[in-house]
Structures are given as structure tokens and as C-alpha cells.
């Protein structure tokens, strides 16, 4: 439970940081010519990645979809599990 809360909060903080960086890029006025045509720029991808990390981390923290998340990020979360609880 403690591991889920810590990893969930870290993931949400990382997602928020990514969205913050995306906003800094947008505020600087960075333009991507190919992105203007397709309505998709690197700042949009960074923002969507931030949202993805925040949502997945929230799901993990609340225990929703734990089987799916553990199958994808299982080796990462095993690093934080004590050997006697594996």
C-alpha cells in the first residue's frame, strides 16, 4: 500500500512536471511547421505524455487496473518491493 502511494505520487508529480515544461515551450512561442499542418507538435506530445503519467499513476495509487499496470511496469515496481514480500 505504501509503495503504491509513493509511486503514484511520484508519477503524478512527473506528469505535472511534463505538462509544466510543455506550457513553458508554448509560452516561448516555439513553432513547428509540420505540426501546424497536422495540429500536433512536440509540445502536444509532451502534454499528452504528462496526462498519461498522471492518470496511470492515479490508477496505480488507487489500485484500479492493478493487473494491467503491474504487467507493464512490474519490473520497475519490483525494485521497491522488499525481497521477503515478493
PDB file of N, CA and C in Angstrom:
ATOM      1  N   UNK A   1       0.824  -1.193   0.000  1.00  0.00           N
ATOM      2  CA  UNK A   1       0.000   0.000   0.000  1.00  0.00           C
ATOM      3  C   UNK A   1       0.872   1.262   0.000  1.00  0.00           C
ATOM      4  N   UNK A   2       1.880   1.263   0.878  1.00  0.00           N
ATOM      5  CA  UNK A   2       2.779   2.412   0.947  1.00  0.00           C
ATOM      6  C   UNK A   2       3.511   2.605  -0.384  1.00  0.00           C
ATOM      7  N   UNK A   3       3.934   1.492  -0.981  1.00  0.00           N
ATOM      8  CA  UNK A   3       4.639   1.549  -2.266  1.00  0.00           C
ATOM      9  C   UNK A   3       3.742   2.150  -3.338  1.00  0.00           C
ATOM     10  N   UNK A   4       2.462   1.746  -3.338  1.00  0.00           N
ATOM     11  CA  UNK A   4       1.532   2.277  -4.326  1.00  0.00           C
ATOM     12  C   UNK A   4       1.357   3.784  -4.178  1.00  0.00           C
ATOM     13  N   UNK A   5       1.255   4.249  -2.947  1.00  0.00           N
ATOM     14  CA  UNK A   5       1.063   5.682  -2.719  1.00  0.00           C
ATOM     15  C   UNK A   5       2.296   6.470  -3.159  1.00  0.00           C
ATOM     16  N   UNK A   6       3.481   5.989  -2.780  1.00  0.00           N
ATOM     17  CA  UNK A   6       4.718   6.700  -3.140  1.00  0.00           C
ATOM     18  C   UNK A   6       4.910   6.725  -4.655  1.00  0.00           C
ATOM     19  N   UNK A   7       4.790   5.565  -5.303  1.00  0.00           N
ATOM     20  CA  UNK A   7       4.971   5.529  -6.760  1.00  0.00           C
ATOM     21  C   UNK A   7       3.883   6.321  -7.475  1.00  0.00           C
ATOM     22  N   UNK A   8       2.665   6.269  -6.964  1.00  0.00           N
ATOM     23  CA  UNK A   8       1.582   7.044  -7.565  1.00  0.00           C
ATOM     24  C   UNK A   8       1.842   8.536  -7.485  1.00  0.00           C
ATOM     25  N   UNK A   9       2.270   9.005  -6.327  1.00  0.00           N
ATOM     26  CA  UNK A   9       2.563  10.433  -6.172  1.00  0.00           C
ATOM     27  C   UNK A   9       3.763  10.859  -7.007  1.00  0.00           C
ATOM     28  N   UNK A  10       4.788  10.003  -7.084  1.00  0.00           N
ATOM     29  CA  UNK A  10       5.945  10.326  -7.928  1.00  0.00           C
ATOM     30  C   UNK A  10       5.546  10.409  -9.400  1.00  0.00           C
ATOM     31  N   UNK A  11       4.722   9.478  -9.847  1.00  0.00           N
ATOM     32  CA  UNK A  11       4.260   9.504 -11.233  1.00  0.00           C
ATOM     33  C   UNK A  11       3.412  10.721 -11.530  1.00  0.00           C
ATOM     34  N   UNK A  12       2.549  11.097 -10.581  1.00  0.00           N
ATOM     35  CA  UNK A  12       1.721  12.281 -10.785  1.00  0.00           C
ATOM     36  C   UNK A  12       2.578  13.546 -10.798  1.00  0.00           C
ATOM     37  N   UNK A  13       3.593  13.596  -9.954  1.00  0.00           N
ATOM     38  CA  UNK A  13       4.499  14.752  -9.957  1.00  0.00           C
ATOM     39  C   UNK A  13       5.264  14.830 -11.275  1.00  0.00           C
ATOM     40  N   UNK A  14       5.704  13.676 -11.792  1.00  0.00           N
ATOM     41  CA  UNK A  14       6.404  13.651 -13.077  1.00  0.00           C
ATOM     42  C   UNK A  14       5.477  14.107 -14.200  1.00  0.00           C
ATOM     43  N   UNK A  15       4.229  13.637 -14.189  1.00  0.00           N
ATOM     44  CA  UNK A  15       3.266  14.064 -15.201  1.00  0.00           C
ATOM     45  C   UNK A  15       3.004  15.556 -15.138  1.00  0.00           C
ATOM     46  N   UNK A  16       2.861  16.094 -13.926  1.00  0.00           N
ATOM     47  CA  UNK A  16       2.654  17.534 -13.775  1.00  0.00           C
ATOM     48  C   UNK A  16       3.864  18.311 -14.276  1.00  0.00           C
ATOM     49  N   UNK A  17       5.074  17.805 -13.971  1.00  0.00           N
ATOM     50  CA  UNK A  17       6.289  18.467 -14.433  1.00  0.00           C
ATOM     51  C   UNK A  17       6.350  18.493 -15.958  1.00  0.00           C
ATOM     52  N   UNK A  18       5.964  17.380 -16.602  1.00  0.00           N
ATOM     53  CA  UNK A  18       5.955  17.346 -18.071  1.00  0.00           C
ATOM     54  C   UNK A  18       4.979  18.372 -18.635  1.00  0.00           C
ATOM     55  N   UNK A  19       3.799  18.478 -18.028  1.00  0.00           N
ATOM     56  CA  UNK A  19       2.826  19.456 -18.518  1.00  0.00           C
ATOM     57  C   UNK A  19       3.311  20.882 -18.266  1.00  0.00           C
ATOM     58  N   UNK A  20       4.011  21.106 -17.168  1.00  0.00           N
ATOM     59  CA  UNK A  20       4.586  22.425 -16.889  1.00  0.00           C
ATOM     60  C   UNK A  20       5.628  22.785 -17.950  1.00  0.00           C
ATOM     61  N   UNK A  21       6.499  21.837 -18.295  1.00  0.00           N
ATOM     62  CA  UNK A  21       7.510  22.078 -19.327  1.00  0.00           C
ATOM     63  C   UNK A  21       6.851  22.345 -20.677  1.00  0.00           C
ATOM     64  N   UNK A  22       5.777  21.631 -20.963  1.00  0.00           N
ATOM     65  CA  UNK A  22       5.051  21.847 -22.213  1.00  0.00           C
ATOM     66  C   UNK A  22       4.554  23.283 -22.277  1.00  0.00           C
ATOM     67  N   UNK A  23       4.012  23.785 -21.172  1.00  0.00           N
ATOM     68  CA  UNK A  23       3.494  25.147 -21.164  1.00  0.00           C
ATOM     69  C   UNK A  23       4.617  26.164 -21.345  1.00  0.00           C
ATOM     70  N   UNK A  24       5.795  25.896 -20.775  1.00  0.00           N
ATOM     71  CA  UNK A  24       6.929  26.802 -20.959  1.00  0.00           C
ATOM     72  C   UNK A  24       7.335  26.866 -22.433  1.00  0.00           C
ATOM     73  N   UNK A  25       7.299  25.717 -23.125  1.00  0.00           N
ATOM     74  CA  UNK A  25       7.638  25.688 -24.550  1.00  0.00           C
ATOM     75  C   UNK A  25       6.622  26.494 -25.342  1.00  0.00           C
ATOM     76  N   UNK A  26       5.338  26.335 -25.014  1.00  0.00           N
ATOM     77  CA  UNK A  26       4.286  27.067 -25.722  1.00  0.00           C
ATOM     78  C   UNK A  26       4.436  28.563 -25.470  1.00  0.00           C
ATOM     79  N   UNK A  27       4.727  28.944 -24.231  1.00  0.00           N
ATOM     80  CA  UNK A  27       4.873  30.365 -23.896  1.00  0.00           C
ATOM     81  C   UNK A  27       6.052  31.010 -24.609  1.00  0.00           C
ATOM     82  N   UNK A  28       7.088  30.230 -24.926  1.00  0.00           N
ATOM     83  CA  UNK A  28       8.234  30.773 -25.649  1.00  0.00           C
ATOM     84  C   UNK A  28       7.897  31.033 -27.111  1.00  0.00           C
ATOM     85  N   UNK A  29       6.790  30.502 -27.577  1.00  0.00           N
ATOM     86  CA  UNK A  29       6.390  30.728 -28.953  1.00  0.00           C
ATOM     87  C   UNK A  29       7.064  29.806 -29.942  1.00  0.00           C
ATOM     88  N   UNK A  30       7.495  28.651 -29.495  1.00  0.00           N
ATOM     89  CA  UNK A  30       8.140  27.694 -30.394  1.00  0.00           C
ATOM     90  C   UNK A  30       7.099  27.173 -31.379  1.00  0.00           C
ATOM     91  N   UNK A  31       7.442  27.202 -32.640  1.00  0.00           N
ATOM     92  CA  UNK A  31       6.517  26.730 -33.676  1.00  0.00           C
ATOM     93  C   UNK A  31       7.189  25.623 -34.473  1.00  0.00           C
ATOM     94  N   UNK A  32       6.383  24.665 -34.868  1.00  0.00           N
ATOM     95  CA  UNK A  32       6.862  23.548 -35.675  1.00  0.00           C
ATOM     96  C   UNK A  32       6.046  23.553 -36.960  1.00  0.00           C
ATOM     97  N   UNK A  33       6.692  23.758 -38.096  1.00  0.00           N
ATOM     98  CA  UNK A  33       5.945  23.915 -39.343  1.00  0.00           C
ATOM     99  C   UNK A  33       5.122  22.676 -39.674  1.00  0.00           C
ATOM    100  N   UNK A  34       5.688  21.482 -39.499  1.00  0.00           N
ATOM    101  CA  UNK A  34       4.923  20.272 -39.795  1.00  0.00           C
ATOM    102  C   UNK A  34       3.792  20.101 -38.799  1.00  0.00           C
ATOM    103  N   UNK A  35       3.992  20.586 -37.601  1.00  0.00           N
ATOM    104  CA  UNK A  35       2.971  20.418 -36.570  1.00  0.00           C
ATOM    105  C   UNK A  35       1.791  21.345 -36.808  1.00  0.00           C
ATOM    106  N   UNK A  36       2.052  22.524 -37.340  1.00  0.00           N
ATOM    107  CA  UNK A  36       0.954  23.445 -37.604  1.00  0.00           C
ATOM    108  C   UNK A  36       0.012  22.868 -38.647  1.00  0.00           C
ATOM    109  N   UNK A  37       0.555  22.112 -39.587  1.00  0.00           N
ATOM    110  CA  UNK A  37      -0.292  21.495 -40.607  1.00  0.00           C
ATOM    111  C   UNK A  37      -1.134  20.367 -40.033  1.00  0.00           C
ATOM    112  N   UNK A  38      -0.588  19.594 -39.137  1.00  0.00           N
ATOM    113  CA  UNK A  38      -1.277  18.417 -38.613  1.00  0.00           C
ATOM    114  C   UNK A  38      -1.847  18.619 -37.216  1.00  0.00           C
ATOM    115  N   UNK A  39      -1.738  19.829 -36.673  1.00  0.00           N
ATOM    116  CA  UNK A  39      -2.261  20.148 -35.336  1.00  0.00           C
ATOM    117  C   UNK A  39      -1.633  19.265 -34.266  1.00  0.00           C
ATOM    118  N   UNK A  40      -0.388  18.887 -34.470  1.00  0.00           N
ATOM    119  CA  UNK A  40       0.295  18.047 -33.489  1.00  0.00           C
ATOM    120  C   UNK A  40       1.752  18.470 -33.437  1.00  0.00           C
ATOM    121  N   UNK A  41       2.164  18.971 -32.301  1.00  0.00           N
ATOM    122  CA  UNK A  41       3.551  19.388 -32.147  1.00  0.00           C
ATOM    123  C   UNK A  41       4.200  18.636 -31.019  1.00  0.00           C
ATOM    124  N   UNK A  42       5.474  18.830 -30.868  1.00  0.00           N
ATOM    125  CA  UNK A  42       6.151  18.115 -29.790  1.00  0.00           C
ATOM    126  C   UNK A  42       5.619  18.558 -28.438  1.00  0.00           C
ATOM    127  N   UNK A  43       5.175  19.817 -28.333  1.00  0.00           N
ATOM    128  CA  UNK A  43       4.617  20.263 -27.061  1.00  0.00           C
ATOM    129  C   UNK A  43       3.309  19.555 -26.761  1.00  0.00           C
ATOM    130  N   UNK A  44       2.547  19.194 -27.781  1.00  0.00           N
ATOM    131  CA  UNK A  44       1.308  18.445 -27.561  1.00  0.00           C
ATOM    132  C   UNK A  44       1.622  17.028 -27.105  1.00  0.00           C
ATOM    133  N   UNK A  45       2.612  16.406 -27.715  1.00  0.00           N
ATOM    134  CA  UNK A  45       3.008  15.056 -27.324  1.00  0.00           C
ATOM    135  C   UNK A  45       3.515  15.056 -25.885  1.00  0.00           C
ATOM    136  N   UNK A  46       4.298  16.064 -25.513  1.00  0.00           N
ATOM    137  CA  UNK A  46       4.796  16.165 -24.142  1.00  0.00           C
ATOM    138  C   UNK A  46       3.630  16.336 -23.176  1.00  0.00           C
ATOM    139  N   UNK A  47       2.658  17.164 -23.533  1.00  0.00           N
ATOM    140  CA  UNK A  47       1.490  17.357 -22.674  1.00  0.00           C
ATOM    141  C   UNK A  47       0.673  16.087 -22.523  1.00  0.00           C
ATOM    142  N   UNK A  48       0.472  15.367 -23.618  1.00  0.00           N
ATOM    143  CA  UNK A  48      -0.284  14.114 -23.545  1.00  0.00           C
ATOM    144  C   UNK A  48       0.465  13.065 -22.732  1.00  0.00           C
ATOM    145  N   UNK A  49       1.785  13.043 -22.841  1.00  0.00           N
ATOM    146  CA  UNK A  49       2.573  12.117 -22.033  1.00  0.00           C
ATOM    147  C   UNK A  49       2.432  12.445 -20.555  1.00  0.00           C
ATOM    148  N   UNK A  50       2.414  13.728 -20.228  1.00  0.00           N
ATOM    149  CA  UNK A  50       2.212  14.138 -18.844  1.00  0.00           C
ATOM    150  C   UNK A  50       0.862  13.706 -18.311  1.00  0.00           C
ATOM    151  N   UNK A  51      -0.184  13.880 -19.119  1.00  0.00           N
ATOM    152  CA  UNK A  51      -1.523  13.441 -18.714  1.00  0.00           C
ATOM    153  C   UNK A  51      -1.547  11.928 -18.542  1.00  0.00           C
ATOM    154  N   UNK A  52      -0.908  11.194 -19.459  1.00  0.00           N
ATOM    155  CA  UNK A  52      -0.851   9.735 -19.374  1.00  0.00           C
ATOM    156  C   UNK A  52      -0.210   9.295 -18.065  1.00  0.00           C
ATOM    157  N   UNK A  53       0.937   9.896 -17.723  1.00  0.00           N
ATOM    158  CA  UNK A  53       1.617   9.522 -16.484  1.00  0.00           C
ATOM    159  C   UNK A  53       0.774   9.855 -15.264  1.00  0.00           C
ATOM    160  N   UNK A  54       0.081  10.992 -15.301  1.00  0.00           N
ATOM    161  CA  UNK A  54      -0.744  11.359 -14.145  1.00  0.00           C
ATOM    162  C   UNK A  54      -1.899  10.380 -13.967  1.00  0.00           C
ATOM    163  N   UNK A  55      -2.561  10.016 -15.058  1.00  0.00           N
ATOM    164  CA  UNK A  55      -3.715   9.112 -14.970  1.00  0.00           C
ATOM    165  C   UNK A  55      -3.281   7.712 -14.555  1.00  0.00           C
ATOM    166  N   UNK A  56      -2.234   7.190 -15.184  1.00  0.00           N
ATOM    167  CA  UNK A  56      -1.754   5.853 -14.831  1.00  0.00           C
ATOM    168  C   UNK A  56      -1.304   5.816 -13.375  1.00  0.00           C
ATOM    169  N   UNK A  57      -0.627   6.869 -12.933  1.00  0.00           N
ATOM    170  CA  UNK A  57      -0.167   6.909 -11.542  1.00  0.00           C
ATOM    171  C   UNK A  57      -1.332   6.981 -10.570  1.00  0.00           C
ATOM    172  N   UNK A  58      -2.360   7.737 -10.924  1.00  0.00           N
ATOM    173  CA  UNK A  58      -3.546   7.806 -10.066  1.00  0.00           C
ATOM    174  C   UNK A  58      -4.227   6.448  -9.997  1.00  0.00           C
ATOM    175  N   UNK A  59      -4.369   5.775 -11.137  1.00  0.00           N
ATOM    176  CA  UNK A  59      -4.965   4.436 -11.146  1.00  0.00           C
ATOM    177  C   UNK A  59      -4.156   3.481 -10.285  1.00  0.00           C
ATOM    178  N   UNK A  60      -2.829   3.555 -10.408  1.00  0.00           N
ATOM    179  CA  UNK A  60      -1.972   2.661  -9.630  1.00  0.00           C
ATOM    180  C   UNK A  60      -2.102   2.954  -8.138  1.00  0.00           C
ATOM    181  N   UNK A  61      -2.148   4.235  -7.802  1.00  0.00           N
ATOM    182  CA  UNK A  61      -2.232   4.617  -6.399  1.00  0.00           C
ATOM    183  C   UNK A  61      -3.549   4.151  -5.783  1.00  0.00           C
ATOM    184  N   UNK A  62      -4.630   4.205  -6.553  1.00  0.00           N
ATOM    185  CA  UNK A  62      -5.939   3.792  -6.048  1.00  0.00           C
ATOM    186  C   UNK A  62      -6.178   2.293  -6.182  1.00  0.00           C
ATOM    187  N   UNK A  63      -5.295   1.585  -6.877  1.00  0.00           N
ATOM    188  CA  UNK A  63      -5.446   0.144  -7.045  1.00  0.00           C
ATOM    189  C   UNK A  63      -6.366  -0.233  -8.191  1.00  0.00           C
ATOM    190  N   UNK A  64      -6.699   0.714  -9.059  1.00  0.00           N
ATOM    191  CA  UNK A  64      -7.573   0.445 -10.203  1.00  0.00           C
ATOM    192  C   UNK A  64      -6.718  -0.092 -11.347  1.00  0.00           C
ATOM    193  N   UNK A  65      -7.114  -1.212 -11.908  1.00  0.00           N
ATOM    194  CA  UNK A  65      -6.368  -1.777 -13.027  1.00  0.00           C
ATOM    195  C   UNK A  65      -4.983  -2.236 -12.639  1.00  0.00           C
ATOM    196  N   UNK A  66      -4.830  -2.701 -11.418  1.00  0.00           N
ATOM    197  CA  UNK A  66      -3.504  -3.074 -10.910  1.00  0.00           C
ATOM    198  C   UNK A  66      -2.859  -4.177 -11.751  1.00  0.00           C
ATOM    199  N   UNK A  67      -3.636  -5.118 -12.237  1.00  0.00           N
ATOM    200  CA  UNK A  67      -3.090  -6.193 -13.057  1.00  0.00           C
ATOM    201  C   UNK A  67      -2.492  -5.695 -14.351  1.00  0.00           C
ATOM    202  N   UNK A  68      -3.151  -4.740 -14.976  1.00  0.00           N
ATOM    203  CA  UNK A  68      -2.660  -4.188 -16.238  1.00  0.00           C
ATOM    204  C   UNK A  68      -1.393  -3.377 -15.997  1.00  0.00           C
ATOM    205  N   UNK A  69      -1.415  -2.555 -14.966  1.00  0.00           N
ATOM    206  CA  UNK A  69      -0.263  -1.707 -14.680  1.00  0.00           C
ATOM    207  C   UNK A  69       0.930  -2.548 -14.257  1.00  0.00           C
ATOM    208  N   UNK A  70       0.703  -3.571 -13.423  1.00  0.00           N
ATOM    209  CA  UNK A  70       1.815  -4.419 -12.990  1.00  0.00           C
ATOM    210  C   UNK A  70       2.413  -5.208 -14.145  1.00  0.00           C
ATOM    211  N   UNK A  71       1.584  -5.573 -15.131  1.00  0.00           N
ATOM    212  CA  UNK A  71       2.134  -6.306 -16.265  1.00  0.00           C
ATOM    213  C   UNK A  71       3.036  -5.420 -17.122  1.00  0.00           C
ATOM    214  N   UNK A  72       2.767  -4.113 -17.141  1.00  0.00           N
ATOM    215  CA  UNK A  72       3.576  -3.194 -17.939  1.00  0.00           C
ATOM    216  C   UNK A  72       4.777  -2.681 -17.146  1.00  0.00           C
ATOM    217  N   UNK A  73       4.529  -2.257 -15.899  1.00  0.00           N
ATOM    218  CA  UNK A  73       5.580  -1.648 -15.089  1.00  0.00           C
ATOM    219  C   UNK A  73       6.039  -2.559 -13.959  1.00  0.00           C
ATOM    220  N   UNK A  74       5.825  -3.862 -14.072  1.00  0.00           N
ATOM    221  CA  UNK A  74       6.122  -4.793 -12.988  1.00  0.00           C
ATOM    222  C   UNK A  74       7.569  -4.803 -12.557  1.00  0.00           C
ATOM    223  N   UNK A  75       8.484  -4.798 -13.512  1.00  0.00           N
ATOM    224  CA  UNK A  75       9.900  -4.850 -13.130  1.00  0.00           C
ATOM    225  C   UNK A  75      10.321  -3.574 -12.410  1.00  0.00           C
ATOM    226  N   UNK A  76       9.715  -2.454 -12.771  1.00  0.00           N
ATOM    227  CA  UNK A  76      10.034  -1.194 -12.097  1.00  0.00           C
ATOM    228  C   UNK A  76       9.528  -1.204 -10.658  1.00  0.00           C
ATOM    229  N   UNK A  77       8.300  -1.676 -10.460  1.00  0.00           N
ATOM    230  CA  UNK A  77       7.745  -1.685  -9.104  1.00  0.00           C
ATOM    231  C   UNK A  77       8.399  -2.754  -8.241  1.00  0.00           C
ATOM    232  N   UNK A  78       8.938  -3.811  -8.846  1.00  0.00           N
ATOM    233  CA  UNK A  78       9.628  -4.847  -8.067  1.00  0.00           C
ATOM    234  C   UNK A  78      10.904  -4.322  -7.413  1.00  0.00           C
ATOM    235  N   UNK A  79      11.476  -3.276  -7.983  1.00  0.00           N
ATOM    236  CA  UNK A  79      12.682  -2.703  -7.383  1.00  0.00           C
ATOM    237  C   UNK A  79      12.405  -2.152  -5.990  1.00  0.00           C
ATOM    238  N   UNK A  80      11.152  -1.737  -5.749  1.00  0.00           N
ATOM    239  CA  UNK A  80      10.804  -1.120  -4.477  1.00  0.00           C
ATOM    240  C   UNK A  80      10.148  -2.096  -3.507  1.00  0.00           C
ATOM    241  N   UNK A  81      10.051  -3.370  -3.900  1.00  0.00           N
ATOM    242  CA  UNK A  81       9.443  -4.376  -3.038  1.00  0.00           C
ATOM    243  C   UNK A  81      10.537  -5.117  -2.269  1.00  0.00           C
ATOM    244  N   UNK A  82      10.423  -5.183  -0.954  1.00  0.00           N
ATOM    245  CA  UNK A  82      11.426  -5.936  -0.184  1.00  0.00           C
ATOM    246  C   UNK A  82      11.451  -7.404  -0.601  1.00  0.00           C
ATOM    247  N   UNK A  83      12.607  -8.065  -0.547  1.00  0.00           N
ATOM    248  CA  UNK A  83      12.727  -9.454  -1.016  1.00  0.00           C
ATOM    249  C   UNK A  83      11.807 -10.428  -0.290  1.00  0.00           C
ATOM    250  N   UNK A  84      11.499 -10.185   0.969  1.00  0.00           N
ATOM    251  CA  UNK A  84      10.667 -11.132   1.705  1.00  0.00           C
ATOM    252  C   UNK A  84       9.195 -11.038   1.348  1.00  0.00           C
ATOM    253  N   UNK A  85       8.788 -10.022   0.577  1.00  0.00           N
ATOM    254  CA  UNK A  85       7.380  -9.868   0.214  1.00  0.00           C
ATOM    255  C   UNK A  85       7.110 -10.212  -1.238  1.00  0.00           C
ATOM    256  N   UNK A  86       8.116 -10.659  -1.970  1.00  0.00           N
ATOM    257  CA  UNK A  86       7.921 -10.987  -3.387  1.00  0.00           C
ATOM    258  C   UNK A  86       7.255 -12.324  -3.539  1.00  0.00           C
TER     259      UNK A  86
END
